[in-house]
Amino acid sequence: MNLPRFLLTLAIAAMLCGCPEEQPLETVADPVPQPAPEVPSEPPEQAAEPAAPVDEAPAADELLVTAEELQAQLDDTELRILDVRSEEAYAESHIPGAVRVDLNDWKSLALSEGGLQDADAWAGRVGELGINAGTPVIVYADNPTNATRIWWTLEYLGVNDVRVLNGGWAAWQQADAPVSNEPLVPTPTEFEPEFQEERLAAKEDVQKVIETPGGAIALLDARSEGEYTGTSGPGARKGHIPGFARLEWTNFVDEQGRFKSPDKIREIVGDRPAGEGAITYCQTGGRASLNAFALELAGYGPVQNYYCGWSEWSAADDVPVKTPAEDAAGGSENESE
């Protein structure tokens, strides 16, 4: 799919993205998410007409794998399985052949100043897992936002074949699949990141988009209703980025943390993805990664993740913030700056 023209012109700006190191990390949600009903919220100010899925949309089995399918691949020596759970959980039992990823370390690096452009650091992180650009990878966790955060990061770094175990660790246990408590130390590779800038949005990109009337792009906020309305949640200021409609990540998974079907996701999204692209954000990139994954699963994308998200935007004094109450009162976008 051809990317929107503005994405190409803003690629250089995206390379400057990096959150200050002191920004808080996103709180990990409960392992079993409770789906929230879709809540009417502010329509995207940039919406044009609905976009059809891309002509060559990835099939569901190219992004998702079931526990049964993964069991059949356990003897594949080329496959790298990544466990994104805690060190204690991994030590107790894990999928045979899985290598543990330190989620907090990866989040800290990505959110540090210039972290998403630190080629040397990412070469070390990914290379020590025995992964190169052509390695097939399957990621699992006990929370779907953790798995999709690693999925998004690897895709952004240029790893070509990354999939997610649908339902995560719970699905593996429910399938009565084999487990191991033997840690795996892979042979390191010489990984060279090739940053896929079309997957990343910087603060400057978002500013230009919301200042461009009639832009053909969907703007989606993956956070909770309280965070969106400014009644709860972290951040130096409360509310949301003007022009972004709330489409919470929990809409895309069921009670077991399994992704809904592509058809159901398209039904949930409705006419929100306008034109040829979308930007999604949350607090620090995790929930937005899940939204990006779901949209691509349904045939939209690639979707830009404003990874630094609300932790960066709310702390900046040169960007506007809105709340629905201000919208209803006819307030200016700049009243909450």
Protein backbone atom coordinates (compact mmCIF):
# COMPACT_ATOMS: atom_id res chain seq x y z
CA MET A 1 0.00 0.00 0.00
CA ASN A 2 1.26 3.51 -0.79
CA LEU A 3 1.80 5.42 2.40
CA PRO A 4 0.25 8.84 2.79
CA ARG A 5 2.40 11.54 1.30
CA PHE A 6 2.93 13.20 4.63
CA LEU A 7 4.49 10.03 6.10
CA LEU A 8 7.28 10.16 3.55
CA THR A 9 8.00 13.82 4.14
CA LEU A 10 8.08 13.35 7.90
CA ALA A 11 10.34 10.31 8.04
CA ILE A 12 13.37 12.42 8.95
CA ALA A 13 11.45 14.08 11.77
CA ALA A 14 10.50 10.69 13.12
CA MET A 15 14.17 9.82 13.55
CA LEU A 16 14.39 12.43 16.31
CA CYS A 17 11.78 10.67 18.44
CA GLY A 18 12.81 9.76 21.96
CA CYS A 19 11.18 10.21 25.29
CA PRO A 20 13.06 11.74 28.20
CA GLU A 21 14.48 9.01 30.40
CA GLU A 22 12.50 10.15 33.39
CA GLN A 23 9.15 9.40 31.73
CA PRO A 24 7.24 6.69 33.66
CA LEU A 25 6.82 3.25 32.14
CA GLU A 26 3.34 2.12 31.24
CA THR A 27 1.63 0.09 33.93
CA VAL A 28 1.13 -3.52 32.88
CA ALA A 29 -2.54 -4.48 32.77
CA ASP A 30 -4.08 -7.58 34.33
CA PRO A 31 -3.02 -10.81 32.59
CA VAL A 32 -6.63 -11.55 31.62
CA PRO A 33 -8.06 -8.35 30.09
CA GLN A 34 -11.67 -7.38 30.68
CA PRO A 35 -13.07 -6.18 27.36
CA ALA A 36 -14.60 -2.72 27.52
CA PRO A 37 -17.55 -1.71 25.38
CA GLU A 38 -16.71 0.81 22.72
CA VAL A 39 -17.44 4.27 24.08
CA PRO A 40 -18.54 7.11 21.80
CA SER A 41 -15.82 9.69 21.82
CA GLU A 42 -14.52 12.61 19.85
CA PRO A 43 -14.50 11.83 16.11
CA PRO A 44 -11.15 12.12 14.34
CA GLU A 45 -10.81 15.69 13.15
CA GLN A 46 -8.78 14.50 10.17
CA ALA A 47 -11.23 11.82 9.02
CA ALA A 48 -12.11 11.68 5.37
CA GLU A 49 -13.71 8.58 3.90
CA PRO A 50 -13.33 5.01 5.17
CA ALA A 51 -10.40 3.05 3.86
CA ALA A 52 -10.71 -0.43 2.50
CA PRO A 53 -8.17 -2.97 3.74
CA VAL A 54 -4.95 -3.01 1.79
CA ASP A 55 -4.93 -5.06 -1.42
CA GLU A 56 -2.36 -7.49 -0.08
CA ALA A 57 -3.53 -7.68 3.52
CA PRO A 58 -1.61 -10.18 5.63
CA ALA A 59 -3.58 -13.32 6.38
CA ALA A 60 -4.37 -13.89 10.05
CA ASP A 61 -2.00 -16.86 10.22
CA GLU A 62 0.86 -14.62 9.13
CA LEU A 63 0.56 -12.51 12.29
CA LEU A 64 -1.08 -14.95 14.71
CA VAL A 65 -0.25 -18.56 15.54
CA THR A 66 -2.30 -20.95 17.66
CA ALA A 67 -0.91 -23.17 20.40
CA GLU A 68 -1.51 -26.21 18.20
CA GLU A 69 0.34 -24.65 15.27
CA LEU A 70 3.28 -23.72 17.48
CA GLN A 71 3.48 -27.24 18.90
CA ALA A 72 3.99 -28.53 15.36
CA GLN A 73 6.95 -26.15 14.92
CA LEU A 74 8.88 -26.87 18.12
CA ASP A 75 11.49 -28.91 16.23
CA ASP A 76 12.17 -26.07 13.77
CA THR A 77 15.75 -25.06 14.57
CA GLU A 78 15.37 -21.82 12.61
CA LEU A 79 12.45 -20.61 14.71
CA ARG A 80 13.06 -18.29 17.67
CA ILE A 81 10.39 -18.31 20.39
CA LEU A 82 10.41 -15.30 22.73
CA ASP A 83 8.96 -15.37 26.26
CA VAL A 84 7.98 -11.88 27.48
CA ARG A 85 7.01 -12.87 31.03
CA SER A 86 8.82 -12.27 34.31
CA GLU A 87 12.11 -13.95 35.13
CA GLU A 88 10.41 -15.99 37.85
CA ALA A 89 7.62 -17.21 35.56
CA TYR A 90 10.12 -18.18 32.86
CA ALA A 91 12.26 -20.11 35.36
CA GLU A 92 9.26 -22.04 36.65
CA SER A 93 8.15 -23.20 33.19
CA HIS A 94 8.11 -21.99 29.62
CA ILE A 95 7.57 -23.20 26.08
CA PRO A 96 10.43 -25.54 25.11
CA GLY A 97 13.13 -23.66 23.26
CA ALA A 98 11.87 -20.22 24.32
CA VAL A 99 14.29 -17.40 25.15
CA ARG A 100 13.24 -14.79 27.69
CA VAL A 101 13.09 -11.12 26.70
CA ASP A 102 13.55 -8.50 29.43
CA LEU A 103 10.47 -6.38 28.73
CA ASN A 104 11.37 -3.58 31.14
CA ASP A 105 14.84 -3.28 29.65
CA TRP A 106 13.43 -2.99 26.14
CA LYS A 107 10.85 -0.41 27.26
CA SER A 108 13.49 1.63 29.08
CA LEU A 109 15.73 1.70 26.02
CA ALA A 110 12.90 2.63 23.66
CA LEU A 111 11.71 5.45 25.93
CA SER A 112 15.17 6.89 26.59
CA GLU A 113 16.34 9.99 24.73
CA GLY A 114 17.08 8.85 21.18
CA GLY A 115 16.52 5.24 22.21
CA LEU A 116 14.48 4.28 19.17
CA GLN A 117 17.38 5.34 16.92
CA ASP A 118 20.19 3.73 18.93
CA ALA A 119 21.35 1.17 16.37
CA ASP A 120 24.21 -0.15 18.49
CA ALA A 121 22.02 -0.77 21.54
CA TRP A 122 19.34 -2.56 19.54
CA ALA A 123 21.93 -4.59 17.65
CA GLY A 124 23.07 -5.92 21.02
CA ARG A 125 19.57 -6.53 22.41
CA VAL A 126 18.33 -8.42 19.37
CA GLY A 127 21.60 -10.12 18.48
CA GLU A 128 21.93 -11.69 21.92
CA LEU A 129 18.62 -13.46 21.29
CA GLY A 130 20.07 -15.16 18.22
CA ILE A 131 17.88 -13.19 15.84
CA ASN A 132 18.69 -11.61 12.50
CA ALA A 133 16.42 -9.91 9.97
CA GLY A 134 15.37 -13.21 8.40
CA THR A 135 14.76 -15.22 11.58
CA PRO A 136 11.14 -16.37 12.02
CA VAL A 137 10.01 -15.24 15.48
CA ILE A 138 6.98 -16.10 17.62
CA VAL A 139 6.30 -13.97 20.71
CA TYR A 140 4.18 -14.89 23.72
CA ALA A 141 3.41 -13.33 27.09
CA ASP A 142 0.81 -13.45 29.84
CA ASN A 143 -0.60 -10.12 28.63
CA PRO A 144 -1.26 -9.33 24.95
CA THR A 145 0.03 -5.75 25.19
CA ASN A 146 3.43 -7.06 26.30
CA ALA A 147 3.61 -9.49 23.40
CA THR A 148 2.59 -6.89 20.83
CA ARG A 149 5.07 -4.36 22.24
CA ILE A 150 7.89 -6.77 21.41
CA TRP A 151 6.24 -7.60 18.07
CA TRP A 152 6.11 -3.91 17.15
CA THR A 153 9.68 -3.25 18.29
CA LEU A 154 11.09 -6.13 16.23
CA GLU A 155 9.07 -5.10 13.18
CA TYR A 156 10.29 -1.52 13.57
CA LEU A 157 13.88 -2.77 13.82
CA GLY A 158 13.56 -4.65 10.53
CA VAL A 159 12.88 -8.26 11.57
CA ASN A 160 10.71 -9.52 8.72
CA ASP A 161 8.69 -12.44 10.15
CA VAL A 162 7.32 -11.80 13.64
CA ARG A 163 4.13 -13.43 14.88
CA VAL A 164 2.24 -13.58 18.18
CA LEU A 165 0.94 -16.67 19.99
CA ASN A 166 -2.80 -16.03 20.16
CA GLY A 167 -3.91 -16.16 23.80
CA GLY A 168 -0.33 -16.25 25.03
CA TRP A 169 0.88 -18.44 27.87
CA ALA A 170 -2.67 -19.15 29.06
CA ALA A 171 -3.58 -20.62 25.67
CA TRP A 172 -0.46 -22.81 25.75
CA GLN A 173 -1.43 -24.16 29.17
CA GLN A 174 -5.04 -24.71 28.14
CA ALA A 175 -3.81 -26.77 25.19
CA ASP A 176 -1.91 -29.03 27.63
CA ALA A 177 1.17 -28.36 25.53
CA PRO A 178 4.69 -29.36 26.64
CA VAL A 179 6.71 -27.10 28.92
CA SER A 180 10.30 -26.88 30.07
CA ASN A 181 12.23 -25.32 32.93
CA GLU A 182 15.57 -25.47 31.12
CA PRO A 183 16.76 -21.98 30.12
CA LEU A 184 18.02 -21.55 26.58
CA VAL A 185 21.09 -19.44 25.85
CA PRO A 186 21.13 -18.87 22.09
CA THR A 187 24.18 -18.30 19.94
CA PRO A 188 24.41 -14.52 19.36
CA THR A 189 24.07 -13.09 15.87
CA GLU A 190 25.40 -9.95 14.21
CA PHE A 191 22.11 -8.09 13.95
CA GLU A 192 21.99 -4.78 12.09
CA PRO A 193 18.78 -2.78 12.66
CA GLU A 194 17.06 -1.31 9.64
CA PHE A 195 14.61 1.14 11.17
CA GLN A 196 11.19 1.01 9.51
CA GLU A 197 10.37 4.68 9.98
CA GLU A 198 6.87 4.33 8.52
CA ARG A 199 5.93 2.44 11.70
CA LEU A 200 6.95 5.24 14.08
CA ALA A 201 5.42 8.66 14.71
CA ALA A 202 7.29 11.41 16.54
CA LYS A 203 5.70 14.29 18.44
CA GLU A 204 6.46 16.61 15.53
CA ASP A 205 4.64 14.26 13.15
CA VAL A 206 1.53 14.28 15.33
CA GLN A 207 1.65 18.07 15.63
CA LYS A 208 1.70 18.49 11.86
CA VAL A 209 -1.11 16.00 11.35
CA ILE A 210 -3.50 17.62 13.83
CA GLU A 211 -2.69 21.04 12.37
CA THR A 212 -3.53 19.87 8.83
CA PRO A 213 -7.27 20.18 8.15
CA GLY A 214 -8.81 17.43 6.05
CA GLY A 215 -5.88 15.06 6.37
CA ALA A 216 -6.74 11.52 5.23
CA ILE A 217 -5.61 9.64 8.33
CA ALA A 218 -7.24 8.05 11.36
CA LEU A 219 -6.09 9.14 14.82
CA LEU A 220 -6.76 6.56 17.55
CA ASP A 221 -6.22 6.76 21.32
CA ALA A 222 -5.75 3.26 22.82
CA ARG A 223 -6.17 4.33 26.45
CA SER A 224 -9.03 3.99 28.94
CA GLU A 225 -12.04 6.27 29.11
CA GLY A 226 -10.76 7.90 32.29
CA GLU A 227 -7.40 8.70 30.73
CA TYR A 228 -9.04 10.04 27.58
CA THR A 229 -11.47 12.27 29.46
CA GLY A 230 -8.81 13.46 31.90
CA THR A 231 -10.44 12.05 35.05
CA SER A 232 -7.71 9.49 35.78
CA GLY A 233 -4.36 8.16 34.71
CA PRO A 234 -0.75 9.36 34.67
CA GLY A 235 0.67 12.33 32.84
CA ALA A 236 1.75 15.89 33.53
CA ARG A 237 -1.59 17.05 32.10
CA LYS A 238 -4.91 15.26 31.73
CA GLY A 239 -6.99 14.68 28.63
CA HIS A 240 -6.10 13.63 25.09
CA ILE A 241 -4.41 14.81 21.93
CA PRO A 242 -6.86 16.90 19.86
CA GLY A 243 -8.36 15.03 16.94
CA PHE A 244 -7.79 11.54 18.36
CA ALA A 245 -10.81 9.30 18.87
CA ARG A 246 -10.74 6.74 21.67
CA LEU A 247 -10.62 3.11 20.58
CA GLU A 248 -9.39 1.23 23.63
CA TRP A 249 -7.15 -1.79 23.10
CA THR A 250 -9.49 -4.09 25.04
CA ASN A 251 -11.98 -3.90 22.17
CA PHE A 252 -9.72 -6.10 20.05
CA VAL A 253 -9.27 -9.11 22.39
CA ASP A 254 -11.65 -11.42 24.22
CA GLU A 255 -11.76 -12.42 27.90
CA GLN A 256 -8.89 -14.90 27.36
CA GLY A 257 -6.68 -12.34 25.66
CA ARG A 258 -7.21 -13.88 22.22
CA PHE A 259 -7.52 -11.53 19.27
CA LYS A 260 -10.87 -11.19 17.61
CA SER A 261 -11.24 -12.15 13.97
CA PRO A 262 -10.18 -9.74 11.21
CA ASP A 263 -13.85 -9.35 10.22
CA LYS A 264 -14.82 -8.49 13.80
CA ILE A 265 -11.95 -6.01 14.06
CA ARG A 266 -13.07 -4.30 10.85
CA GLU A 267 -16.59 -4.13 12.29
CA ILE A 268 -15.27 -2.54 15.51
CA VAL A 269 -13.10 -0.07 13.64
CA GLY A 270 -15.97 0.91 11.35
CA ASP A 271 -15.31 4.04 9.36
CA ARG A 272 -12.51 5.30 11.61
CA PRO A 273 -9.44 4.45 9.50
CA ALA A 274 -9.73 7.21 6.92
CA GLY A 275 -7.60 7.51 3.84
CA GLU A 276 -4.51 5.35 3.79
CA GLY A 277 -3.04 5.47 7.27
CA ALA A 278 -3.48 5.66 11.01
CA ILE A 279 -1.61 6.84 14.08
CA THR A 280 -2.27 5.30 17.47
CA TYR A 281 -0.91 6.19 20.90
CA CYS A 282 -1.26 5.38 24.60
CA GLN A 283 0.92 6.23 27.61
CA THR A 284 4.22 4.61 26.59
CA GLY A 285 3.66 2.52 23.47
CA GLY A 286 2.37 -0.85 24.70
CA ARG A 287 -1.38 -0.53 24.23
CA ALA A 288 -0.79 1.40 21.01
CA SER A 289 1.30 -1.54 19.78
CA LEU A 290 -1.69 -3.81 20.32
CA ASN A 291 -3.94 -1.43 18.37
CA ALA A 292 -1.40 -1.37 15.54
CA PHE A 293 -1.24 -5.17 15.55
CA ALA A 294 -5.04 -5.51 15.46
CA LEU A 295 -5.40 -3.03 12.60
CA GLU A 296 -2.73 -4.80 10.58
CA LEU A 297 -4.34 -8.15 11.37
CA ALA A 298 -7.53 -6.78 9.81
CA GLY A 299 -5.69 -5.58 6.72
CA TYR A 300 -4.96 -1.95 7.54
CA GLY A 301 -1.47 -0.62 7.76
CA PRO A 302 1.28 -0.34 8.44
CA VAL A 303 0.06 1.80 11.29
CA GLN A 304 2.23 4.41 12.95
CA ASN A 305 2.79 4.06 16.68
CA TYR A 306 3.37 7.32 18.54
CA TYR A 307 5.46 5.28 20.95
CA CYS A 308 6.43 8.07 23.34
CA GLY A 309 2.74 8.85 23.59
CA TRP A 310 1.02 10.64 26.43
CA SER A 311 4.11 10.46 28.66
CA GLU A 312 5.84 12.82 26.25
CA TRP A 313 2.89 14.84 24.93
CA SER A 314 1.44 15.72 28.34
CA ALA A 315 4.84 16.95 29.54
CA ALA A 316 5.43 19.24 26.55
CA ASP A 317 4.37 22.86 26.95
CA ASP A 318 4.19 23.59 23.21
CA VAL A 319 1.34 21.22 22.27
CA PRO A 320 -2.42 21.35 22.92
CA VAL A 321 -4.48 19.03 25.14
CA LYS A 322 -8.23 18.51 25.02
CA THR A 323 -10.96 16.96 27.14
CA PRO A 324 -14.50 16.05 26.03
CA ALA A 325 -15.87 18.59 28.51
CA GLU A 326 -14.01 21.35 26.70
CA ASP A 327 -15.25 20.04 23.37
CA ALA A 328 -18.87 20.17 24.56
CA ALA A 329 -18.36 23.73 25.84
CA GLY A 330 -16.86 24.81 22.56
CA GLY A 331 -13.48 25.49 24.11
CA SER A 332 -10.35 26.08 22.10
CA GLU A 333 -7.78 23.35 21.68
CA ASN A 334 -5.26 25.70 23.21
CA GLU A 335 -7.16 26.29 26.45
CA SER A 336 -5.44 23.31 28.09
CA GLU A 337 -1.98 24.02 26.83
